[in-house]
Amino acid sequence: MGTSRAWGRRRTRRFLAASALAGAAAAGVVACEPVGGPNSVSIAVTTDQAATSALERDGVHVQWLNCTADTGAGPTGGASPAASAGRIADVDCIGRTRDGEDITVNGNVTQELDGRCVRGDLTAKADGKVVFRADALGNCNAAPSTGVANPPLGGGSGTARPTVTVTVTMTGSPRGK
């Protein structure tokens, strides 16, 4: 029994270390993206939260889900050709159910609305089976959490510049049993 406890503690430490590295990598990516343009971290976090909620509503018990988004914006801040065609990010999510089954959510996002929802073409699978295919995840009709949905950039006298904040959301908790 002591061996399984030690294994659980090592697994928990690995999970926490991986989560910390993912958060640090996300913060590094934000620094390379243009202000006012699509932000891969906000797209990934919004997709993660909205997909987790949708999977839970569909009866999939999510232990954890981690999403990444590629906007195609490189260090110079240039947008990818895909962005001009309406797609602002390719999204890939991996995760696990509480029963140990693999979860994936993949597709493209054409719009991210202030952490409330993402629009695009996304497919979720659990244990290799399609759970849902959606063109919107989250509550796209909800009011923005701030008074200004898209604050103006620079310009007028005394206009504040927007800042980027990274929020790491962990769904579920690792079990050390």
C-alpha atoms as a PDB file:
ATOM      1  CA  MET A   1       0.000   0.000   0.000  1.00  0.00           C
ATOM      2  CA  GLY A   2       2.933   2.353   0.672  1.00  0.00           C
ATOM      3  CA  THR A   3       4.080   1.860  -2.914  1.00  0.00           C
ATOM      4  CA  SER A   4       0.771   3.039  -4.386  1.00  0.00           C
ATOM      5  CA  ARG A   5       0.859   6.132  -2.149  1.00  0.00           C
ATOM      6  CA  ALA A   6       4.381   6.977  -3.321  1.00  0.00           C
ATOM      7  CA  TRP A   7       3.285   6.473  -6.928  1.00  0.00           C
ATOM      8  CA  GLY A   8       0.327   8.798  -6.389  1.00  0.00           C
ATOM      9  CA  ARG A   9       2.550  11.508  -4.886  1.00  0.00           C
ATOM     10  CA  ARG A  10       5.004  11.282  -7.804  1.00  0.00           C
ATOM     11  CA  ARG A  11       2.130  11.482 -10.281  1.00  0.00           C
ATOM     12  CA  THR A  12       0.705  14.517  -8.479  1.00  0.00           C
ATOM     13  CA  ARG A  13       4.109  16.247  -8.505  1.00  0.00           C
ATOM     14  CA  ARG A  14       4.534  15.515 -12.225  1.00  0.00           C
ATOM     15  CA  PHE A  15       1.046  16.866 -12.924  1.00  0.00           C
ATOM     16  CA  LEU A  16       1.743  20.073 -10.969  1.00  0.00           C
ATOM     17  CA  ALA A  17       5.142  20.515 -12.620  1.00  0.00           C
ATOM     18  CA  ALA A  18       3.613  20.044 -16.080  1.00  0.00           C
ATOM     19  CA  SER A  19       0.878  22.549 -15.245  1.00  0.00           C
ATOM     20  CA  ALA A  20       3.441  25.121 -14.097  1.00  0.00           C
ATOM     21  CA  LEU A  21       5.480  24.640 -17.281  1.00  0.00           C
ATOM     22  CA  ALA A  22       2.359  25.018 -19.419  1.00  0.00           C
ATOM     23  CA  GLY A  23       1.523  28.283 -17.639  1.00  0.00           C
ATOM     24  CA  ALA A  24       5.056  29.611 -18.129  1.00  0.00           C
ATOM     25  CA  ALA A  25       4.995  28.662 -21.807  1.00  0.00           C
ATOM     26  CA  ALA A  26       1.642  30.404 -22.243  1.00  0.00           C
ATOM     27  CA  ALA A  27       3.010  33.567 -20.645  1.00  0.00           C
ATOM     28  CA  GLY A  28       5.973  33.474 -23.033  1.00  0.00           C
ATOM     29  CA  VAL A  29       3.701  33.132 -26.056  1.00  0.00           C
ATOM     30  CA  VAL A  30       1.659  36.177 -25.020  1.00  0.00           C
ATOM     31  CA  ALA A  31       4.779  38.338 -25.053  1.00  0.00           C
ATOM     32  CA  CYS A  32       5.234  37.623 -28.768  1.00  0.00           C
ATOM     33  CA  GLU A  33       1.705  38.485 -29.840  1.00  0.00           C
ATOM     34  CA  PRO A  34       0.583  41.907 -31.024  1.00  0.00           C
ATOM     35  CA  VAL A  35      -1.570  44.051 -28.722  1.00  0.00           C
ATOM     36  CA  GLY A  36      -5.113  44.239 -30.046  1.00  0.00           C
ATOM     37  CA  GLY A  37      -4.718  41.159 -32.231  1.00  0.00           C
ATOM     38  CA  PRO A  38      -5.927  37.654 -31.568  1.00  0.00           C
ATOM     39  CA  ASN A  39      -4.397  36.281 -28.386  1.00  0.00           C
ATOM     40  CA  SER A  40      -3.628  32.566 -28.368  1.00  0.00           C
ATOM     41  CA  VAL A  41      -3.746  32.320 -24.575  1.00  0.00           C
ATOM     42  CA  SER A  42      -7.200  33.892 -24.239  1.00  0.00           C
ATOM     43  CA  ILE A  43      -8.482  31.685 -27.058  1.00  0.00           C
ATOM     44  CA  ALA A  44      -6.988  28.568 -25.425  1.00  0.00           C
ATOM     45  CA  VAL A  45      -8.325  29.401 -21.944  1.00  0.00           C
ATOM     46  CA  THR A  46     -11.809  30.279 -23.218  1.00  0.00           C
ATOM     47  CA  THR A  47     -11.906  27.098 -25.322  1.00  0.00           C
ATOM     48  CA  ASP A  48     -10.727  25.048 -22.319  1.00  0.00           C
ATOM     49  CA  GLN A  49     -13.423  26.429 -20.009  1.00  0.00           C
ATOM     50  CA  ALA A  50     -16.246  26.284 -22.569  1.00  0.00           C
ATOM     51  CA  ALA A  51     -15.315  22.791 -23.810  1.00  0.00           C
ATOM     52  CA  THR A  52     -15.060  21.457 -20.250  1.00  0.00           C
ATOM     53  CA  SER A  53     -18.546  22.789 -19.471  1.00  0.00           C
ATOM     54  CA  ALA A  54     -19.975  21.339 -22.700  1.00  0.00           C
ATOM     55  CA  LEU A  55     -18.365  17.937 -22.082  1.00  0.00           C
ATOM     56  CA  GLU A  56     -19.674  17.856 -18.500  1.00  0.00           C
ATOM     57  CA  ARG A  57     -23.195  18.729 -19.744  1.00  0.00           C
ATOM     58  CA  ASP A  58     -22.920  15.828 -22.195  1.00  0.00           C
ATOM     59  CA  GLY A  59     -22.083  13.415 -19.368  1.00  0.00           C
ATOM     60  CA  VAL A  60     -18.294  13.281 -19.775  1.00  0.00           C
ATOM     61  CA  HIS A  61     -16.674  13.585 -16.344  1.00  0.00           C
ATOM     62  CA  VAL A  62     -13.568  15.676 -17.078  1.00  0.00           C
ATOM     63  CA  GLN A  63     -10.605  15.162 -14.761  1.00  0.00           C
ATOM     64  CA  TRP A  64      -8.444  17.648 -16.674  1.00  0.00           C
ATOM     65  CA  LEU A  65      -8.305  19.390 -20.038  1.00  0.00           C
ATOM     66  CA  ASN A  66      -5.473  21.487 -21.474  1.00  0.00           C
ATOM     67  CA  CYS A  67      -5.906  23.558 -24.639  1.00  0.00           C
ATOM     68  CA  THR A  68      -3.410  25.318 -26.875  1.00  0.00           C
ATOM     69  CA  ALA A  69      -4.165  27.752 -29.679  1.00  0.00           C
ATOM     70  CA  ASP A  70      -1.944  28.744 -32.583  1.00  0.00           C
ATOM     71  CA  THR A  71      -2.817  32.120 -34.083  1.00  0.00           C
ATOM     72  CA  GLY A  72       0.055  32.004 -36.540  1.00  0.00           C
ATOM     73  CA  ALA A  73       1.409  35.274 -35.122  1.00  0.00           C
ATOM     74  CA  GLY A  74       5.161  34.944 -34.989  1.00  0.00           C
ATOM     75  CA  PRO A  75       7.703  37.030 -33.082  1.00  0.00           C
ATOM     76  CA  THR A  76       7.218  39.852 -35.596  1.00  0.00           C
ATOM     77  CA  GLY A  77       3.491  39.918 -34.878  1.00  0.00           C
ATOM     78  CA  GLY A  78       2.411  39.100 -38.428  1.00  0.00           C
ATOM     79  CA  ALA A  79      -0.907  37.340 -38.847  1.00  0.00           C
ATOM     80  CA  SER A  80      -1.063  34.055 -40.683  1.00  0.00           C
ATOM     81  CA  PRO A  81      -2.770  33.687 -44.064  1.00  0.00           C
ATOM     82  CA  ALA A  82      -5.420  31.635 -42.241  1.00  0.00           C
ATOM     83  CA  ALA A  83      -6.376  34.683 -40.171  1.00  0.00           C
ATOM     84  CA  SER A  84      -7.252  36.604 -43.307  1.00  0.00           C
ATOM     85  CA  ALA A  85      -9.521  33.735 -44.361  1.00  0.00           C
ATOM     86  CA  GLY A  86     -11.577  34.091 -41.155  1.00  0.00           C
ATOM     87  CA  ARG A  87      -9.767  31.570 -38.964  1.00  0.00           C
ATOM     88  CA  ILE A  88      -7.836  33.251 -36.147  1.00  0.00           C
ATOM     89  CA  ALA A  89      -6.518  30.133 -34.402  1.00  0.00           C
ATOM     90  CA  ASP A  90      -6.091  26.404 -34.671  1.00  0.00           C
ATOM     91  CA  VAL A  91      -7.012  24.816 -31.339  1.00  0.00           C
ATOM     92  CA  ASP A  92      -5.845  21.496 -29.900  1.00  0.00           C
ATOM     93  CA  CYS A  93      -6.965  20.243 -26.488  1.00  0.00           C
ATOM     94  CA  ILE A  94      -6.018  17.043 -24.722  1.00  0.00           C
ATOM     95  CA  GLY A  95      -7.337  15.712 -21.468  1.00  0.00           C
ATOM     96  CA  ARG A  96      -8.546  12.779 -19.479  1.00  0.00           C
ATOM     97  CA  THR A  97     -11.835  11.677 -17.987  1.00  0.00           C
ATOM     98  CA  ARG A  98     -12.123  10.591 -14.364  1.00  0.00           C
ATOM     99  CA  ASP A  99     -12.311   7.020 -15.725  1.00  0.00           C
ATOM    100  CA  GLY A 100      -8.932   7.413 -17.469  1.00  0.00           C
ATOM    101  CA  GLU A 101     -10.249   7.801 -21.024  1.00  0.00           C
ATOM    102  CA  ASP A 102      -8.545  10.222 -23.422  1.00  0.00           C
ATOM    103  CA  ILE A 103     -10.310  13.475 -24.373  1.00  0.00           C
ATOM    104  CA  THR A 104      -9.505  15.604 -27.420  1.00  0.00           C
ATOM    105  CA  VAL A 105     -11.031  18.834 -28.683  1.00  0.00           C
ATOM    106  CA  ASN A 106      -9.725  20.042 -32.036  1.00  0.00           C
ATOM    107  CA  GLY A 107     -10.622  22.528 -34.716  1.00  0.00           C
ATOM    108  CA  ASN A 108     -10.391  26.179 -35.562  1.00  0.00           C
ATOM    109  CA  VAL A 109     -11.670  29.304 -33.896  1.00  0.00           C
ATOM    110  CA  THR A 110     -12.908  32.265 -35.902  1.00  0.00           C
ATOM    111  CA  GLN A 111     -13.889  34.467 -32.947  1.00  0.00           C
ATOM    112  CA  GLU A 112     -13.271  34.689 -29.205  1.00  0.00           C
ATOM    113  CA  LEU A 113     -15.621  36.910 -27.196  1.00  0.00           C
ATOM    114  CA  ASP A 114     -13.998  38.273 -24.030  1.00  0.00           C
ATOM    115  CA  GLY A 115     -13.665  34.911 -22.278  1.00  0.00           C
ATOM    116  CA  ARG A 116     -17.381  34.157 -22.734  1.00  0.00           C
ATOM    117  CA  CYS A 117     -17.328  31.981 -25.847  1.00  0.00           C
ATOM    118  CA  VAL A 118     -15.474  30.886 -28.954  1.00  0.00           C
ATOM    119  CA  ARG A 119     -16.922  30.442 -32.420  1.00  0.00           C
ATOM    120  CA  GLY A 120     -15.541  28.249 -35.163  1.00  0.00           C
ATOM    121  CA  ASP A 121     -15.563  24.550 -35.960  1.00  0.00           C
ATOM    122  CA  LEU A 122     -14.673  22.356 -32.967  1.00  0.00           C
ATOM    123  CA  THR A 123     -15.005  18.608 -32.443  1.00  0.00           C
ATOM    124  CA  ALA A 124     -14.750  16.891 -29.044  1.00  0.00           C
ATOM    125  CA  LYS A 125     -14.007  13.199 -28.595  1.00  0.00           C
ATOM    126  CA  ALA A 126     -13.884  11.057 -25.477  1.00  0.00           C
ATOM    127  CA  ASP A 127     -12.442   7.544 -25.683  1.00  0.00           C
ATOM    128  CA  GLY A 128     -12.222   7.984 -29.475  1.00  0.00           C
ATOM    129  CA  LYS A 129     -15.965   8.653 -29.865  1.00  0.00           C
ATOM    130  CA  VAL A 130     -17.348  12.014 -31.012  1.00  0.00           C
ATOM    131  CA  VAL A 131     -19.142  13.695 -28.103  1.00  0.00           C
ATOM    132  CA  PHE A 132     -20.050  16.885 -29.965  1.00  0.00           C
ATOM    133  CA  ARG A 133     -19.275  19.045 -32.957  1.00  0.00           C
ATOM    134  CA  ALA A 134     -19.937  22.732 -32.357  1.00  0.00           C
ATOM    135  CA  ASP A 135     -19.756  26.066 -34.128  1.00  0.00           C
ATOM    136  CA  ALA A 136     -19.931  27.907 -30.779  1.00  0.00           C
ATOM    137  CA  LEU A 137     -18.859  26.970 -27.259  1.00  0.00           C
ATOM    138  CA  GLY A 138     -19.781  29.028 -24.216  1.00  0.00           C
ATOM    139  CA  ASN A 139     -22.359  31.775 -23.789  1.00  0.00           C
ATOM    140  CA  CYS A 140     -21.931  34.111 -26.760  1.00  0.00           C
ATOM    141  CA  ASN A 141     -25.035  36.094 -25.720  1.00  0.00           C
ATOM    142  CA  ALA A 142     -23.765  36.956 -22.219  1.00  0.00           C
ATOM    143  CA  ALA A 143     -22.831  40.550 -21.468  1.00  0.00           C
ATOM    144  CA  PRO A 144     -19.099  41.273 -21.358  1.00  0.00           C
ATOM    145  CA  SER A 145     -17.560  41.080 -17.903  1.00  0.00           C
ATOM    146  CA  THR A 146     -16.145  44.589 -18.294  1.00  0.00           C
ATOM    147  CA  GLY A 147     -17.904  47.773 -19.356  1.00  0.00           C
ATOM    148  CA  VAL A 148     -15.855  47.994 -22.564  1.00  0.00           C
ATOM    149  CA  ALA A 149     -15.766  44.936 -24.822  1.00  0.00           C
ATOM    150  CA  ASN A 150     -12.918  46.177 -27.034  1.00  0.00           C
ATOM    151  CA  PRO A 151     -11.104  49.165 -25.508  1.00  0.00           C
ATOM    152  CA  PRO A 152      -9.566  51.648 -27.956  1.00  0.00           C
ATOM    153  CA  LEU A 153      -5.855  51.283 -28.625  1.00  0.00           C
ATOM    154  CA  GLY A 154      -3.670  54.336 -27.972  1.00  0.00           C
ATOM    155  CA  GLY A 155      -4.959  57.456 -29.624  1.00  0.00           C
ATOM    156  CA  GLY A 156      -6.704  60.195 -27.612  1.00  0.00           C
ATOM    157  CA  SER A 157      -5.352  62.169 -24.714  1.00  0.00           C
ATOM    158  CA  GLY A 158      -4.950  60.084 -21.592  1.00  0.00           C
ATOM    159  CA  THR A 159      -6.199  56.880 -23.219  1.00  0.00           C
ATOM    160  CA  ALA A 160      -4.883  53.876 -21.298  1.00  0.00           C
ATOM    161  CA  ARG A 161      -3.149  51.057 -23.145  1.00  0.00           C
ATOM    162  CA  PRO A 162      -4.566  47.552 -22.606  1.00  0.00           C
ATOM    163  CA  THR A 163      -2.507  44.997 -20.724  1.00  0.00           C
ATOM    164  CA  VAL A 164      -2.415  41.237 -21.064  1.00  0.00           C
ATOM    165  CA  THR A 165      -3.332  39.051 -18.104  1.00  0.00           C
ATOM    166  CA  VAL A 166      -2.808  35.292 -18.129  1.00  0.00           C
ATOM    167  CA  THR A 167      -5.142  33.118 -16.086  1.00  0.00           C
ATOM    168  CA  VAL A 168      -4.390  29.429 -15.755  1.00  0.00           C
ATOM    169  CA  THR A 169      -7.453  27.304 -15.057  1.00  0.00           C
ATOM    170  CA  MET A 170      -7.136  23.743 -13.868  1.00  0.00           C
ATOM    171  CA  THR A 171     -10.164  21.482 -14.168  1.00  0.00           C
ATOM    172  CA  GLY A 172     -10.573  18.672 -11.687  1.00  0.00           C
ATOM    173  CA  SER A 173      -7.803  17.502  -9.418  1.00  0.00           C
ATOM    174  CA  PRO A 174      -5.244  14.748  -9.705  1.00  0.00           C
ATOM    175  CA  ARG A 175      -6.022  11.713  -7.608  1.00  0.00           C
ATOM    176  CA  GLY A 176      -3.210  10.228  -5.646  1.00  0.00           C
ATOM    177  CA  LYS A 177      -4.922   6.874  -5.072  1.00  0.00           C
END
